[in-house]
Amino acid sequence: MTEPQALPLDPRPVGWPRRIWALIKFLFCFEIGLFLLVFPWLRTWDVNWFAASTLTLHAIWVSAFFRGAVSGLGLLNVWIGFGELFRMRLRP
């Protein structure tokens, strides 16, 4: 008797569902990234409960280094989003 061959398990969706899922991931990463890139430099960043809880935390919160780090995370998210978009275009 011959044994049945096991089918390879590929959890990724095939065809259009995979493309739609990649587009959703791109939009999510791009939107979050753009928000994190821009929001720390707006006036509303300084006015919130979290920054006003202690003076030490407020000093860190309004620091240009901290804002730059948050913007760097935003830039990383935008990069990941575009990477997902290009990866979707390269796959058949």
C-alpha atoms as a PDB file:
ATOM      1  CA  MET A   1       0.000   0.000   0.000  1.00  0.00           C
ATOM      2  CA  THR A   2       1.177   3.476  -0.730  1.00  0.00           C
ATOM      3  CA  GLU A   3       0.949   6.199   1.843  1.00  0.00           C
ATOM      4  CA  PRO A   4      -0.968   9.346   0.982  1.00  0.00           C
ATOM      5  CA  GLN A   5       1.273  12.307   0.334  1.00  0.00           C
ATOM      6  CA  ALA A   6       0.990  15.210   2.713  1.00  0.00           C
ATOM      7  CA  LEU A   7       0.057  18.505   1.128  1.00  0.00           C
ATOM      8  CA  PRO A   8       2.350  21.413   1.923  1.00  0.00           C
ATOM      9  CA  LEU A   9       0.692  23.762   4.372  1.00  0.00           C
ATOM     10  CA  ASP A  10       0.929  27.382   3.312  1.00  0.00           C
ATOM     11  CA  PRO A  11      -1.046  29.654   5.655  1.00  0.00           C
ATOM     12  CA  ARG A  12      -0.881  32.591   3.251  1.00  0.00           C
ATOM     13  CA  PRO A  13      -4.035  33.311   1.289  1.00  0.00           C
ATOM     14  CA  VAL A  14      -3.906  32.846  -2.468  1.00  0.00           C
ATOM     15  CA  GLY A  15      -4.678  35.452  -5.141  1.00  0.00           C
ATOM     16  CA  TRP A  16      -6.828  38.478  -4.401  1.00  0.00           C
ATOM     17  CA  PRO A  17      -7.302  37.873  -0.674  1.00  0.00           C
ATOM     18  CA  ARG A  18      -3.505  37.988  -0.270  1.00  0.00           C
ATOM     19  CA  ARG A  19      -3.309  41.248  -2.214  1.00  0.00           C
ATOM     20  CA  ILE A  20      -6.125  42.818  -0.229  1.00  0.00           C
ATOM     21  CA  TRP A  21      -4.487  41.721   3.031  1.00  0.00           C
ATOM     22  CA  ALA A  22      -1.170  43.240   1.896  1.00  0.00           C
ATOM     23  CA  LEU A  23      -2.947  46.487   0.980  1.00  0.00           C
ATOM     24  CA  ILE A  24      -4.609  46.607   4.404  1.00  0.00           C
ATOM     25  CA  LYS A  25      -1.232  46.067   6.100  1.00  0.00           C
ATOM     26  CA  PHE A  26       0.296  48.818   3.952  1.00  0.00           C
ATOM     27  CA  LEU A  27      -2.466  51.288   4.792  1.00  0.00           C
ATOM     28  CA  PHE A  28      -2.274  50.475   8.503  1.00  0.00           C
ATOM     29  CA  CYS A  29       1.522  50.819   8.698  1.00  0.00           C
ATOM     30  CA  PHE A  30       1.528  53.947   6.546  1.00  0.00           C
ATOM     31  CA  GLU A  31      -1.197  55.646   8.576  1.00  0.00           C
ATOM     32  CA  ILE A  32       0.370  54.848  11.945  1.00  0.00           C
ATOM     33  CA  GLY A  33       3.788  55.817  10.629  1.00  0.00           C
ATOM     34  CA  LEU A  34       2.625  59.132   9.244  1.00  0.00           C
ATOM     35  CA  PHE A  35       0.895  59.925  12.536  1.00  0.00           C
ATOM     36  CA  LEU A  36       4.012  59.094  14.575  1.00  0.00           C
ATOM     37  CA  LEU A  37       6.181  61.051  12.163  1.00  0.00           C
ATOM     38  CA  VAL A  38       4.185  64.286  12.361  1.00  0.00           C
ATOM     39  CA  PHE A  39       2.298  64.362  15.672  1.00  0.00           C
ATOM     40  CA  PRO A  40       5.256  64.814  18.064  1.00  0.00           C
ATOM     41  CA  TRP A  41       6.047  68.144  16.398  1.00  0.00           C
ATOM     42  CA  LEU A  42       2.544  69.611  16.745  1.00  0.00           C
ATOM     43  CA  ARG A  43       1.440  71.888  19.587  1.00  0.00           C
ATOM     44  CA  THR A  44      -1.077  69.327  20.880  1.00  0.00           C
ATOM     45  CA  TRP A  45       1.797  66.951  21.739  1.00  0.00           C
ATOM     46  CA  ASP A  46       2.690  69.116  24.767  1.00  0.00           C
ATOM     47  CA  VAL A  47      -0.841  69.459  26.125  1.00  0.00           C
ATOM     48  CA  ASN A  48      -1.928  66.135  27.581  1.00  0.00           C
ATOM     49  CA  TRP A  49      -2.358  64.449  30.934  1.00  0.00           C
ATOM     50  CA  PHE A  50       0.568  62.071  30.495  1.00  0.00           C
ATOM     51  CA  ALA A  51       3.108  64.843  29.929  1.00  0.00           C
ATOM     52  CA  ALA A  52       1.720  66.934  32.793  1.00  0.00           C
ATOM     53  CA  SER A  53       1.812  64.169  35.429  1.00  0.00           C
ATOM     54  CA  THR A  54       5.373  64.925  36.663  1.00  0.00           C
ATOM     55  CA  LEU A  55       8.003  67.516  35.852  1.00  0.00           C
ATOM     56  CA  THR A  56      10.616  64.888  35.010  1.00  0.00           C
ATOM     57  CA  LEU A  57       8.290  63.126  32.602  1.00  0.00           C
ATOM     58  CA  HIS A  58       7.313  66.462  31.068  1.00  0.00           C
ATOM     59  CA  ALA A  59      10.961  67.339  30.484  1.00  0.00           C
ATOM     60  CA  ILE A  60      11.507  64.038  28.686  1.00  0.00           C
ATOM     61  CA  TRP A  61       8.223  64.348  26.778  1.00  0.00           C
ATOM     62  CA  VAL A  62       9.030  67.774  25.283  1.00  0.00           C
ATOM     63  CA  SER A  63      12.647  66.876  24.565  1.00  0.00           C
ATOM     64  CA  ALA A  64      13.634  67.044  20.906  1.00  0.00           C
ATOM     65  CA  PHE A  65      15.484  63.745  21.303  1.00  0.00           C
ATOM     66  CA  PHE A  66      12.330  61.941  22.460  1.00  0.00           C
ATOM     67  CA  ARG A  67      10.254  63.534  19.706  1.00  0.00           C
ATOM     68  CA  GLY A  68      12.879  62.497  17.187  1.00  0.00           C
ATOM     69  CA  ALA A  69      12.810  58.920  18.490  1.00  0.00           C
ATOM     70  CA  VAL A  70       9.023  58.776  18.110  1.00  0.00           C
ATOM     71  CA  SER A  71       9.311  60.255  14.618  1.00  0.00           C
ATOM     72  CA  GLY A  72      11.962  57.640  13.842  1.00  0.00           C
ATOM     73  CA  LEU A  73       9.501  54.915  14.793  1.00  0.00           C
ATOM     74  CA  GLY A  74       7.002  56.559  12.481  1.00  0.00           C
ATOM     75  CA  LEU A  75       9.512  56.570   9.658  1.00  0.00           C
ATOM     76  CA  LEU A  76      10.200  52.892  10.323  1.00  0.00           C
ATOM     77  CA  ASN A  77       6.470  52.141  10.086  1.00  0.00           C
ATOM     78  CA  VAL A  78       6.223  53.989   6.769  1.00  0.00           C
ATOM     79  CA  TRP A  79       9.237  52.014   5.519  1.00  0.00           C
ATOM     80  CA  ILE A  80       7.621  48.717   6.571  1.00  0.00           C
ATOM     81  CA  GLY A  81       4.365  49.712   4.866  1.00  0.00           C
ATOM     82  CA  PHE A  82       6.075  50.454   1.564  1.00  0.00           C
ATOM     83  CA  GLY A  83       8.082  47.244   1.896  1.00  0.00           C
ATOM     84  CA  GLU A  84       4.833  45.326   2.234  1.00  0.00           C
ATOM     85  CA  LEU A  85       3.432  47.085  -0.818  1.00  0.00           C
ATOM     86  CA  PHE A  86       6.485  46.301  -2.961  1.00  0.00           C
ATOM     87  CA  ARG A  87       6.586  42.726  -1.705  1.00  0.00           C
ATOM     88  CA  MET A  88       2.967  42.330  -2.817  1.00  0.00           C
ATOM     89  CA  ARG A  89       3.833  43.640  -6.295  1.00  0.00           C
ATOM     90  CA  LEU A  90       6.764  41.230  -6.659  1.00  0.00           C
ATOM     91  CA  ARG A  91       4.775  38.112  -5.807  1.00  0.00           C
ATOM     92  CA  PRO A  92       2.653  36.565  -8.562  1.00  0.00           C
END
